[in-house]
């Protein structure tokens, strides 16, 4: 068994969720709008690699595209 050394990963084991992920629930309010989805890999360079998990929190602002990158796009979508 691997030893956990990353504090964020350790916290996930300390407080496990008591519910399923939103995408796994049948009645979350309708079909997801696939036209509004953003390909984080193509647009911002996120991949499925373990080091890219939570990249929006772990990467530097420069890696996320500066002030016209990930967070700017996120803010615009949330305010619509």
N, C-alpha and C. Protein backbone atom coordinates (compact mmCIF):
# COMPACT_ATOMS: atom_id res chain seq x y z
N UNK A 1 0.84 -1.18 0.00
CA UNK A 1 0.00 0.00 0.00
C UNK A 1 0.89 1.25 0.00
N UNK A 2 0.54 2.20 -0.85
CA UNK A 2 1.32 3.43 -0.97
C UNK A 2 1.08 4.34 0.23
N UNK A 3 2.11 5.05 0.62
CA UNK A 3 2.00 5.98 1.74
C UNK A 3 1.60 7.35 1.22
N UNK A 4 0.63 7.96 1.85
CA UNK A 4 0.18 9.29 1.45
C UNK A 4 1.08 10.35 2.05
N UNK A 5 1.54 11.27 1.21
CA UNK A 5 2.40 12.35 1.69
C UNK A 5 1.85 13.73 1.33
N UNK A 6 0.92 13.79 0.38
CA UNK A 6 0.36 15.07 -0.04
C UNK A 6 -0.78 15.46 0.91
N UNK A 7 -0.68 16.61 1.60
CA UNK A 7 -1.72 17.00 2.56
C UNK A 7 -3.13 17.06 1.96
N UNK A 8 -3.26 17.49 0.69
CA UNK A 8 -4.58 17.57 0.07
C UNK A 8 -5.18 16.19 -0.13
N UNK A 9 -4.34 15.25 -0.50
CA UNK A 9 -4.82 13.89 -0.69
C UNK A 9 -5.20 13.26 0.65
N UNK A 10 -4.43 13.55 1.68
CA UNK A 10 -4.74 13.04 3.02
C UNK A 10 -6.09 13.57 3.49
N UNK A 11 -6.35 14.87 3.26
CA UNK A 11 -7.62 15.47 3.68
C UNK A 11 -8.82 14.81 3.01
N UNK A 12 -8.65 14.38 1.77
CA UNK A 12 -9.74 13.73 1.06
C UNK A 12 -10.13 12.42 1.73
N UNK A 13 -9.17 11.75 2.32
CA UNK A 13 -9.46 10.50 3.02
C UNK A 13 -10.04 10.75 4.41
N UNK A 14 -9.74 11.88 4.99
CA UNK A 14 -10.25 12.19 6.33
C UNK A 14 -11.73 12.53 6.31
N UNK A 15 -12.18 13.15 5.26
CA UNK A 15 -13.56 13.60 5.18
C UNK A 15 -14.16 13.14 3.86
N UNK A 16 -14.56 11.90 3.81
CA UNK A 16 -15.13 11.36 2.58
C UNK A 16 -16.55 11.88 2.39
N UNK A 17 -16.96 12.09 1.14
CA UNK A 17 -18.32 12.57 0.88
C UNK A 17 -19.34 11.50 1.21
N UNK A 18 -20.52 11.92 1.58
CA UNK A 18 -21.61 10.99 1.89
C UNK A 18 -22.59 10.89 0.74
N UNK A 19 -22.26 11.50 -0.37
CA UNK A 19 -23.13 11.48 -1.54
C UNK A 19 -22.34 11.10 -2.77
N UNK A 20 -23.06 10.85 -3.84
CA UNK A 20 -22.41 10.55 -5.12
C UNK A 20 -21.99 11.87 -5.78
N UNK A 21 -21.14 11.76 -6.78
CA UNK A 21 -20.75 12.93 -7.56
C UNK A 21 -21.97 13.45 -8.31
N UNK A 22 -22.04 14.76 -8.56
CA UNK A 22 -23.20 15.34 -9.23
C UNK A 22 -23.48 14.67 -10.57
N UNK A 23 -22.46 14.30 -11.29
CA UNK A 23 -22.65 13.65 -12.58
C UNK A 23 -23.18 12.23 -12.48
N UNK A 24 -23.14 11.66 -11.28
CA UNK A 24 -23.63 10.29 -11.09
C UNK A 24 -25.08 10.27 -10.61
N UNK A 25 -25.66 11.41 -10.34
CA UNK A 25 -27.04 11.47 -9.86
C UNK A 25 -28.02 11.56 -11.02
N UNK A 26 -29.11 10.85 -10.90
CA UNK A 26 -30.09 10.79 -11.99
C UNK A 26 -30.94 12.05 -12.09
N UNK A 27 -31.21 12.71 -11.00
CA UNK A 27 -32.15 13.84 -11.01
C UNK A 27 -31.50 15.16 -10.60
N UNK A 28 -30.45 15.54 -11.31
CA UNK A 28 -29.75 16.78 -10.95
C UNK A 28 -30.33 18.01 -11.63
N UNK A 29 -31.45 17.85 -12.32
CA UNK A 29 -32.10 19.01 -12.92
C UNK A 29 -32.06 19.02 -14.43
N UNK A 30 -31.78 17.93 -15.05
CA UNK A 30 -31.83 17.88 -16.49
C UNK A 30 -30.52 17.46 -17.13
N UNK A 31 -30.53 17.52 -18.42
CA UNK A 31 -29.39 17.11 -19.22
C UNK A 31 -28.32 18.18 -19.17
N UNK A 32 -27.06 17.76 -19.13
CA UNK A 32 -25.96 18.72 -19.16
C UNK A 32 -25.87 19.33 -20.55
N UNK A 33 -25.59 20.60 -20.61
CA UNK A 33 -25.47 21.31 -21.88
C UNK A 33 -24.08 21.08 -22.45
N UNK A 34 -23.95 20.10 -23.34
CA UNK A 34 -22.63 19.77 -23.88
C UNK A 34 -22.07 20.87 -24.76
N UNK A 35 -22.92 21.72 -25.31
CA UNK A 35 -22.43 22.82 -26.14
C UNK A 35 -21.67 23.85 -25.30
N UNK A 36 -21.98 23.92 -24.02
CA UNK A 36 -21.34 24.90 -23.14
C UNK A 36 -20.09 24.34 -22.47
N UNK A 37 -19.79 23.07 -22.71
CA UNK A 37 -18.62 22.48 -22.08
C UNK A 37 -17.33 23.03 -22.70
N UNK A 38 -16.28 23.05 -21.90
CA UNK A 38 -14.98 23.53 -22.35
C UNK A 38 -13.99 22.38 -22.27
N UNK A 39 -13.24 22.17 -23.33
CA UNK A 39 -12.21 21.15 -23.34
C UNK A 39 -10.99 21.71 -22.62
N UNK A 40 -10.83 21.34 -21.35
CA UNK A 40 -9.74 21.90 -20.55
C UNK A 40 -8.38 21.45 -21.05
N UNK A 41 -8.31 20.29 -21.69
CA UNK A 41 -7.05 19.82 -22.24
C UNK A 41 -6.60 20.65 -23.42
N UNK A 42 -7.49 20.85 -24.38
CA UNK A 42 -7.15 21.60 -25.58
C UNK A 42 -6.99 23.10 -25.30
N UNK A 43 -7.82 23.63 -24.41
CA UNK A 43 -7.81 25.06 -24.16
C UNK A 43 -6.73 25.50 -23.18
N UNK A 44 -6.55 24.73 -22.09
CA UNK A 44 -5.64 25.17 -21.03
C UNK A 44 -4.51 24.21 -20.74
N UNK A 45 -4.47 23.08 -21.42
CA UNK A 45 -3.36 22.14 -21.24
C UNK A 45 -3.52 21.16 -20.09
N UNK A 46 -4.72 21.05 -19.50
CA UNK A 46 -4.95 20.07 -18.44
C UNK A 46 -4.92 18.69 -19.07
N UNK A 47 -4.41 17.72 -18.36
CA UNK A 47 -4.41 16.35 -18.87
C UNK A 47 -4.97 15.42 -17.80
N UNK A 48 -5.00 14.14 -18.09
CA UNK A 48 -5.48 13.16 -17.13
C UNK A 48 -4.41 12.70 -16.17
N UNK A 49 -3.22 13.29 -16.26
CA UNK A 49 -2.10 12.89 -15.41
C UNK A 49 -2.38 13.27 -13.95
N UNK A 50 -1.91 12.46 -13.01
CA UNK A 50 -2.15 12.75 -11.59
C UNK A 50 -1.69 14.15 -11.17
N UNK A 51 -0.59 14.64 -11.70
CA UNK A 51 -0.10 15.95 -11.30
C UNK A 51 -0.97 17.09 -11.83
N UNK A 52 -1.84 16.79 -12.80
CA UNK A 52 -2.74 17.82 -13.32
C UNK A 52 -4.10 17.83 -12.62
N UNK A 53 -4.32 16.87 -11.73
CA UNK A 53 -5.57 16.88 -10.98
C UNK A 53 -5.58 18.12 -10.09
N UNK A 54 -6.63 18.89 -10.15
CA UNK A 54 -6.74 20.17 -9.42
C UNK A 54 -5.73 21.19 -9.91
N UNK A 55 -5.36 21.11 -11.18
CA UNK A 55 -4.39 22.06 -11.73
C UNK A 55 -4.85 23.50 -11.59
N UNK A 56 -6.16 23.73 -11.65
CA UNK A 56 -6.66 25.10 -11.52
C UNK A 56 -6.32 25.72 -10.17
N UNK A 57 -6.02 24.87 -9.17
CA UNK A 57 -5.62 25.37 -7.86
C UNK A 57 -4.11 25.28 -7.64
N UNK A 58 -3.46 24.32 -8.29
CA UNK A 58 -2.05 24.05 -8.04
C UNK A 58 -1.10 24.75 -9.00
N UNK A 59 -1.55 25.04 -10.21
CA UNK A 59 -0.69 25.69 -11.19
C UNK A 59 -0.55 27.17 -10.88
N UNK A 60 0.50 27.77 -11.41
CA UNK A 60 0.68 29.22 -11.25
C UNK A 60 -0.25 29.95 -12.21
N UNK A 61 -0.44 31.23 -11.97
CA UNK A 61 -1.29 32.05 -12.83
C UNK A 61 -0.75 32.04 -14.27
N UNK A 62 0.57 32.04 -14.41
CA UNK A 62 1.17 32.04 -15.74
C UNK A 62 0.85 30.73 -16.48
N UNK A 63 0.88 29.61 -15.77
CA UNK A 63 0.56 28.34 -16.41
C UNK A 63 -0.90 28.27 -16.84
N UNK A 64 -1.77 29.00 -16.16
CA UNK A 64 -3.19 29.00 -16.48
C UNK A 64 -3.54 30.06 -17.51
N UNK A 65 -2.58 30.75 -18.06
CA UNK A 65 -2.85 31.71 -19.12
C UNK A 65 -2.93 33.14 -18.67
N UNK A 66 -2.41 33.45 -17.51
CA UNK A 66 -2.42 34.84 -17.04
C UNK A 66 -3.84 35.34 -16.79
N UNK A 67 -4.04 36.62 -16.95
CA UNK A 67 -5.34 37.21 -16.65
C UNK A 67 -6.36 37.00 -17.76
N UNK A 68 -5.96 36.45 -18.89
CA UNK A 68 -6.91 36.18 -19.97
C UNK A 68 -7.10 34.69 -20.18
N UNK A 69 -6.76 33.90 -19.20
CA UNK A 69 -6.84 32.46 -19.34
C UNK A 69 -7.99 31.82 -18.59
N UNK A 70 -7.68 30.77 -17.86
CA UNK A 70 -8.67 29.92 -17.20
C UNK A 70 -9.62 30.71 -16.29
N UNK A 71 -9.08 31.49 -15.36
CA UNK A 71 -9.94 32.17 -14.39
C UNK A 71 -10.80 33.25 -15.02
N UNK A 72 -10.28 33.94 -16.04
CA UNK A 72 -11.06 34.94 -16.75
C UNK A 72 -12.25 34.26 -17.43
N UNK A 73 -11.99 33.15 -18.11
CA UNK A 73 -13.07 32.41 -18.78
C UNK A 73 -14.08 31.87 -17.77
N UNK A 74 -13.59 31.36 -16.65
CA UNK A 74 -14.47 30.84 -15.61
C UNK A 74 -15.38 31.95 -15.07
N UNK A 75 -14.81 33.09 -14.80
CA UNK A 75 -15.58 34.22 -14.28
C UNK A 75 -16.66 34.65 -15.29
N UNK A 76 -16.29 34.71 -16.56
CA UNK A 76 -17.27 35.11 -17.59
C UNK A 76 -18.41 34.11 -17.66
N UNK A 77 -18.12 32.82 -17.58
CA UNK A 77 -19.18 31.80 -17.65
C UNK A 77 -20.07 31.82 -16.42
N UNK A 78 -19.49 32.04 -15.24
CA UNK A 78 -20.28 32.05 -14.02
C UNK A 78 -21.18 33.27 -13.92
N UNK A 79 -20.78 34.37 -14.51
CA UNK A 79 -21.58 35.59 -14.43
C UNK A 79 -22.66 35.68 -15.50
N UNK A 80 -22.67 34.73 -16.43
CA UNK A 80 -23.70 34.77 -17.49
C UNK A 80 -25.05 34.38 -16.95
